[in-house]
Amino acid sequence: SGVLVAAVLVTVGVLIGAQAKDDMVPP
């Protein structure tokens, strides 16, 4: 369950990073 929780936290972090990148206006 500890490994599962860690995997979920990593996935959430990646999704938050992707969302932050999507919020930026490109050149």
PDB file of all heavy atoms in Angstrom:
ATOM      1  N   SER A   1       0.837  -1.204   0.000  1.00  0.00           N
ATOM      2  CA  SER A   1       0.000   0.000   0.000  1.00  0.00           C
ATOM      3  C   SER A   1       0.871   1.252   0.000  1.00  0.00           C
ATOM      4  O   SER A   1       0.513   2.265  -0.599  1.00  0.00           O
ATOM      5  CB  SER A   1      -0.968   0.007   1.185  1.00  0.00           C
ATOM      6  OG  SER A   1      -0.249   0.085   2.405  1.00  0.00           O
ATOM      7  N   GLY A   2       2.042   1.185   0.642  1.00  0.00           N
ATOM      8  CA  GLY A   2       2.966   2.321   0.614  1.00  0.00           C
ATOM      9  C   GLY A   2       3.462   2.600  -0.790  1.00  0.00           C
ATOM     10  O   GLY A   2       3.559   3.754  -1.221  1.00  0.00           O
ATOM     11  N   VAL A   3       3.755   1.558  -1.538  1.00  0.00           N
ATOM     12  CA  VAL A   3       4.190   1.714  -2.927  1.00  0.00           C
ATOM     13  C   VAL A   3       3.052   2.290  -3.756  1.00  0.00           C
ATOM     14  O   VAL A   3       3.260   3.171  -4.594  1.00  0.00           O
ATOM     15  CB  VAL A   3       4.665   0.353  -3.497  1.00  0.00           C
ATOM     16  CG1 VAL A   3       4.867   0.419  -4.995  1.00  0.00           C
ATOM     17  CG2 VAL A   3       5.932  -0.094  -2.805  1.00  0.00           C
ATOM     18  N   LEU A   4       1.846   1.831  -3.511  1.00  0.00           N
ATOM     19  CA  LEU A   4       0.683   2.339  -4.239  1.00  0.00           C
ATOM     20  C   LEU A   4       0.467   3.824  -3.956  1.00  0.00           C
ATOM     21  O   LEU A   4       0.245   4.618  -4.873  1.00  0.00           O
ATOM     22  CB  LEU A   4      -0.566   1.535  -3.865  1.00  0.00           C
ATOM     23  CG  LEU A   4      -1.860   1.962  -4.544  1.00  0.00           C
ATOM     24  CD1 LEU A   4      -1.757   1.747  -6.044  1.00  0.00           C
ATOM     25  CD2 LEU A   4      -3.030   1.196  -3.976  1.00  0.00           C
ATOM     26  N   VAL A   5       0.564   4.221  -2.707  1.00  0.00           N
ATOM     27  CA  VAL A   5       0.403   5.632  -2.337  1.00  0.00           C
ATOM     28  C   VAL A   5       1.495   6.481  -2.991  1.00  0.00           C
ATOM     29  O   VAL A   5       1.228   7.558  -3.530  1.00  0.00           O
ATOM     30  CB  VAL A   5       0.411   5.805  -0.803  1.00  0.00           C
ATOM     31  CG1 VAL A   5       0.540   7.263  -0.413  1.00  0.00           C
ATOM     32  CG2 VAL A   5      -0.857   5.209  -0.204  1.00  0.00           C
ATOM     33  N   ALA A   6       2.719   5.989  -2.989  1.00  0.00           N
ATOM     34  CA  ALA A   6       3.816   6.721  -3.623  1.00  0.00           C
ATOM     35  C   ALA A   6       3.574   6.872  -5.118  1.00  0.00           C
ATOM     36  O   ALA A   6       3.796   7.946  -5.691  1.00  0.00           O
ATOM     37  CB  ALA A   6       5.145   6.009  -3.367  1.00  0.00           C
ATOM     38  N   ALA A   7       3.093   5.818  -5.769  1.00  0.00           N
ATOM     39  CA  ALA A   7       2.807   5.884  -7.206  1.00  0.00           C
ATOM     40  C   ALA A   7       1.700   6.893  -7.495  1.00  0.00           C
ATOM     41  O   ALA A   7       1.778   7.654  -8.466  1.00  0.00           O
ATOM     42  CB  ALA A   7       2.418   4.505  -7.728  1.00  0.00           C
ATOM     43  N   VAL A   8       0.683   6.916  -6.660  1.00  0.00           N
ATOM     44  CA  VAL A   8      -0.406   7.880  -6.839  1.00  0.00           C
ATOM     45  C   VAL A   8       0.111   9.308  -6.672  1.00  0.00           C
ATOM     46  O   VAL A   8      -0.231  10.203  -7.455  1.00  0.00           O
ATOM     47  CB  VAL A   8      -1.564   7.580  -5.856  1.00  0.00           C
ATOM     48  CG1 VAL A   8      -2.557   8.723  -5.808  1.00  0.00           C
ATOM     49  CG2 VAL A   8      -2.258   6.295  -6.252  1.00  0.00           C
ATOM     50  N   LEU A   9       0.948   9.536  -5.683  1.00  0.00           N
ATOM     51  CA  LEU A   9       1.495  10.879  -5.467  1.00  0.00           C
ATOM     52  C   LEU A   9       2.355  11.336  -6.647  1.00  0.00           C
ATOM     53  O   LEU A   9       2.287  12.494  -7.063  1.00  0.00           O
ATOM     54  CB  LEU A   9       2.301  10.923  -4.173  1.00  0.00           C
ATOM     55  CG  LEU A   9       1.472  10.838  -2.883  1.00  0.00           C
ATOM     56  CD1 LEU A   9       2.392  10.762  -1.670  1.00  0.00           C
ATOM     57  CD2 LEU A   9       0.527  12.006  -2.777  1.00  0.00           C
ATOM     58  N   VAL A  10       3.149  10.437  -7.196  1.00  0.00           N
ATOM     59  CA  VAL A  10       3.969  10.781  -8.363  1.00  0.00           C
ATOM     60  C   VAL A  10       3.072  11.109  -9.553  1.00  0.00           C
ATOM     61  O   VAL A  10       3.294  12.090 -10.273  1.00  0.00           O
ATOM     62  CB  VAL A  10       4.948   9.634  -8.700  1.00  0.00           C
ATOM     63  CG1 VAL A  10       5.585   9.838 -10.066  1.00  0.00           C
ATOM     64  CG2 VAL A  10       6.012   9.533  -7.627  1.00  0.00           C
ATOM     65  N   THR A  11       2.033  10.327  -9.764  1.00  0.00           N
ATOM     66  CA  THR A  11       1.106  10.570 -10.871  1.00  0.00           C
ATOM     67  C   THR A  11       0.416  11.920 -10.725  1.00  0.00           C
ATOM     68  O   THR A  11       0.301  12.675 -11.694  1.00  0.00           O
ATOM     69  CB  THR A  11       0.051   9.444 -10.942  1.00  0.00           C
ATOM     70  OG1 THR A  11       0.730   8.197 -11.061  1.00  0.00           O
ATOM     71  CG2 THR A  11      -0.886   9.644 -12.111  1.00  0.00           C
ATOM     72  N   VAL A  12      -0.032  12.240  -9.526  1.00  0.00           N
ATOM     73  CA  VAL A  12      -0.678  13.533  -9.283  1.00  0.00           C
ATOM     74  C   VAL A  12       0.303  14.675  -9.553  1.00  0.00           C
ATOM     75  O   VAL A  12      -0.056  15.685 -10.161  1.00  0.00           O
ATOM     76  CB  VAL A  12      -1.243  13.598  -7.843  1.00  0.00           C
ATOM     77  CG1 VAL A  12      -1.648  15.006  -7.465  1.00  0.00           C
ATOM     78  CG2 VAL A  12      -2.424  12.652  -7.708  1.00  0.00           C
ATOM     79  N   GLY A  13       1.546  14.510  -9.131  1.00  0.00           N
ATOM     80  CA  GLY A  13       2.564  15.536  -9.384  1.00  0.00           C
ATOM     81  C   GLY A  13       2.796  15.761 -10.869  1.00  0.00           C
ATOM     82  O   GLY A  13       2.911  16.900 -11.328  1.00  0.00           O
ATOM     83  N   VAL A  14       2.845  14.683 -11.632  1.00  0.00           N
ATOM     84  CA  VAL A  14       3.033  14.793 -13.082  1.00  0.00           C
ATOM     85  C   VAL A  14       1.843  15.500 -13.717  1.00  0.00           C
ATOM     86  O   VAL A  14       2.006  16.365 -14.582  1.00  0.00           O
ATOM     87  CB  VAL A  14       3.251  13.396 -13.705  1.00  0.00           C
ATOM     88  CG1 VAL A  14       3.150  13.440 -15.213  1.00  0.00           C
ATOM     89  CG2 VAL A  14       4.593  12.835 -13.276  1.00  0.00           C
ATOM     90  N   LEU A  15       0.636  15.162 -13.304  1.00  0.00           N
ATOM     91  CA  LEU A  15      -0.558  15.807 -13.850  1.00  0.00           C
ATOM     92  C   LEU A  15      -0.598  17.293 -13.513  1.00  0.00           C
ATOM     93  O   LEU A  15      -0.981  18.116 -14.352  1.00  0.00           O
ATOM     94  CB  LEU A  15      -1.823  15.111 -13.343  1.00  0.00           C
ATOM     95  CG  LEU A  15      -2.052  13.701 -13.879  1.00  0.00           C
ATOM     96  CD1 LEU A  15      -3.259  13.064 -13.201  1.00  0.00           C
ATOM     97  CD2 LEU A  15      -2.237  13.726 -15.390  1.00  0.00           C
ATOM     98  N   ILE A  16      -0.211  17.655 -12.316  1.00  0.00           N
ATOM     99  CA  ILE A  16      -0.174  19.072 -11.930  1.00  0.00           C
ATOM    100  C   ILE A  16       0.856  19.811 -12.775  1.00  0.00           C
ATOM    101  O   ILE A  16       0.612  20.917 -13.254  1.00  0.00           O
ATOM    102  CB  ILE A  16       0.116  19.223 -10.425  1.00  0.00           C
ATOM    103  CG1 ILE A  16      -1.103  18.776  -9.617  1.00  0.00           C
ATOM    104  CG2 ILE A  16       0.484  20.666 -10.077  1.00  0.00           C
ATOM    105  CD1 ILE A  16      -0.856  18.689  -8.127  1.00  0.00           C
ATOM    106  N   GLY A  17       2.004  19.201 -12.994  1.00  0.00           N
ATOM    107  CA  GLY A  17       3.030  19.810 -13.841  1.00  0.00           C
ATOM    108  C   GLY A  17       2.560  19.988 -15.271  1.00  0.00           C
ATOM    109  O   GLY A  17       2.810  21.018 -15.896  1.00  0.00           O
ATOM    110  N   ALA A  18       1.859  18.995 -15.797  1.00  0.00           N
ATOM    111  CA  ALA A  18       1.339  19.101 -17.163  1.00  0.00           C
ATOM    112  C   ALA A  18       0.293  20.195 -17.259  1.00  0.00           C
ATOM    113  O   ALA A  18       0.240  20.950 -18.230  1.00  0.00           O
ATOM    114  CB  ALA A  18       0.749  17.766 -17.611  1.00  0.00           C
ATOM    115  N   GLN A  19      -0.559  20.311 -16.249  1.00  0.00           N
ATOM    116  CA  GLN A  19      -1.581  21.362 -16.244  1.00  0.00           C
ATOM    117  C   GLN A  19      -0.931  22.735 -16.178  1.00  0.00           C
ATOM    118  O   GLN A  19      -1.350  23.665 -16.861  1.00  0.00           O
ATOM    119  CB  GLN A  19      -2.535  21.172 -15.058  1.00  0.00           C
ATOM    120  CG  GLN A  19      -3.638  22.210 -15.006  1.00  0.00           C
ATOM    121  CD  GLN A  19      -4.577  22.134 -16.182  1.00  0.00           C
ATOM    122  OE1 GLN A  19      -4.851  21.053 -16.686  1.00  0.00           O
ATOM    123  NE2 GLN A  19      -5.066  23.257 -16.645  1.00  0.00           N
ATOM    124  N   ALA A  20       0.103  22.877 -15.377  1.00  0.00           N
ATOM    125  CA  ALA A  20       0.794  24.163 -15.284  1.00  0.00           C
ATOM    126  C   ALA A  20       1.410  24.528 -16.621  1.00  0.00           C
ATOM    127  O   ALA A  20       1.390  25.689 -17.023  1.00  0.00           O
ATOM    128  CB  ALA A  20       1.865  24.105 -14.199  1.00  0.00           C
ATOM    129  N   LYS A  21       1.932  23.532 -17.330  1.00  0.00           N
ATOM    130  CA  LYS A  21       2.518  23.791 -18.647  1.00  0.00           C
ATOM    131  C   LYS A  21       1.434  24.197 -19.640  1.00  0.00           C
ATOM    132  O   LYS A  21       1.655  25.058 -20.485  1.00  0.00           O
ATOM    133  CB  LYS A  21       3.250  22.551 -19.133  1.00  0.00           C
ATOM    134  CG  LYS A  21       4.005  22.755 -20.412  1.00  0.00           C
ATOM    135  CD  LYS A  21       4.770  21.521 -20.797  1.00  0.00           C
ATOM    136  CE  LYS A  21       5.507  21.741 -22.108  1.00  0.00           C
ATOM    137  NZ  LYS A  21       6.187  20.545 -22.552  1.00  0.00           N
ATOM    138  N   ASP A  22       0.238  23.584 -19.557  1.00  0.00           N
ATOM    139  CA  ASP A  22      -0.864  23.921 -20.453  1.00  0.00           C
ATOM    140  C   ASP A  22      -1.392  25.327 -20.218  1.00  0.00           C
ATOM    141  O   ASP A  22      -1.948  25.936 -21.116  1.00  0.00           O
ATOM    142  CB  ASP A  22      -2.015  22.924 -20.287  1.00  0.00           C
ATOM    143  CG  ASP A  22      -1.741  21.608 -20.992  1.00  0.00           C
ATOM    144  OD1 ASP A  22      -0.796  21.568 -21.808  1.00  0.00           O
ATOM    145  OD2 ASP A  22      -2.463  20.636 -20.734  1.00  0.00           O
ATOM    146  N   ASP A  23      -1.249  25.856 -19.013  1.00  0.00           N
ATOM    147  CA  ASP A  23      -1.756  27.180 -18.700  1.00  0.00           C
ATOM    148  C   ASP A  23      -0.884  28.292 -19.256  1.00  0.00           C
ATOM    149  O   ASP A  23      -1.285  29.443 -19.266  1.00  0.00           O
ATOM    150  CB  ASP A  23      -1.903  27.354 -17.182  1.00  0.00           C
ATOM    151  CG  ASP A  23      -3.067  26.548 -16.630  1.00  0.00           C
ATOM    152  OD1 ASP A  23      -3.922  26.125 -17.430  1.00  0.00           O
ATOM    153  OD2 ASP A  23      -3.112  26.341 -15.404  1.00  0.00           O
ATOM    154  N   MET A  24       0.319  27.955 -19.721  1.00  0.00           N
ATOM    155  CA  MET A  24       1.207  28.972 -20.259  1.00  0.00           C
ATOM    156  C   MET A  24       0.823  29.275 -21.710  1.00  0.00           C
ATOM    157  O   MET A  24       0.496  28.378 -22.465  1.00  0.00           O
ATOM    158  CB  MET A  24       2.651  28.480 -20.208  1.00  0.00           C
ATOM    159  CG  MET A  24       3.169  28.301 -18.794  1.00  0.00           C
ATOM    160  SD  MET A  24       4.789  27.518 -18.712  1.00  0.00           S
ATOM    161  CE  MET A  24       5.723  28.415 -19.905  1.00  0.00           C
ATOM    162  N   VAL A  25       0.872  30.547 -22.079  1.00  0.00           N
ATOM    163  CA  VAL A  25       0.607  30.927 -23.455  1.00  0.00           C
ATOM    164  C   VAL A  25       1.917  30.781 -24.238  1.00  0.00           C
ATOM    165  O   VAL A  25       2.941  31.319 -23.837  1.00  0.00           O
ATOM    166  CB  VAL A  25       0.087  32.381 -23.520  1.00  0.00           C
ATOM    167  CG1 VAL A  25      -0.094  32.817 -24.953  1.00  0.00           C
ATOM    168  CG2 VAL A  25      -1.216  32.513 -22.748  1.00  0.00           C
ATOM    169  N   PRO A  26       1.878  30.054 -25.351  1.00  0.00           N
ATOM    170  CA  PRO A  26       3.099  29.827 -26.118  1.00  0.00           C
ATOM    171  C   PRO A  26       3.527  31.081 -26.897  1.00  0.00           C
ATOM    172  O   PRO A  26       2.754  32.038 -27.007  1.00  0.00           O
ATOM    173  CB  PRO A  26       2.705  28.702 -27.078  1.00  0.00           C
ATOM    174  CG  PRO A  26       1.243  28.861 -27.249  1.00  0.00           C
ATOM    175  CD  PRO A  26       0.729  29.369 -25.924  1.00  0.00           C
ATOM    176  N   PRO A  27       4.705  31.045 -27.486  1.00  0.00           N
ATOM    177  CA  PRO A  27       5.160  32.185 -28.288  1.00  0.00           C
ATOM    178  C   PRO A  27       4.283  32.392 -29.531  1.00  0.00           C
ATOM    179  O   PRO A  27       3.556  31.486 -29.951  1.00  0.00           O
ATOM    180  CB  PRO A  27       6.582  31.801 -28.698  1.00  0.00           C
ATOM    181  CG  PRO A  27       6.906  30.542 -28.019  1.00  0.00           C
ATOM    182  CD  PRO A  27       5.692  29.999 -27.363  1.00  0.00           C
TER     183      PRO A  27
END
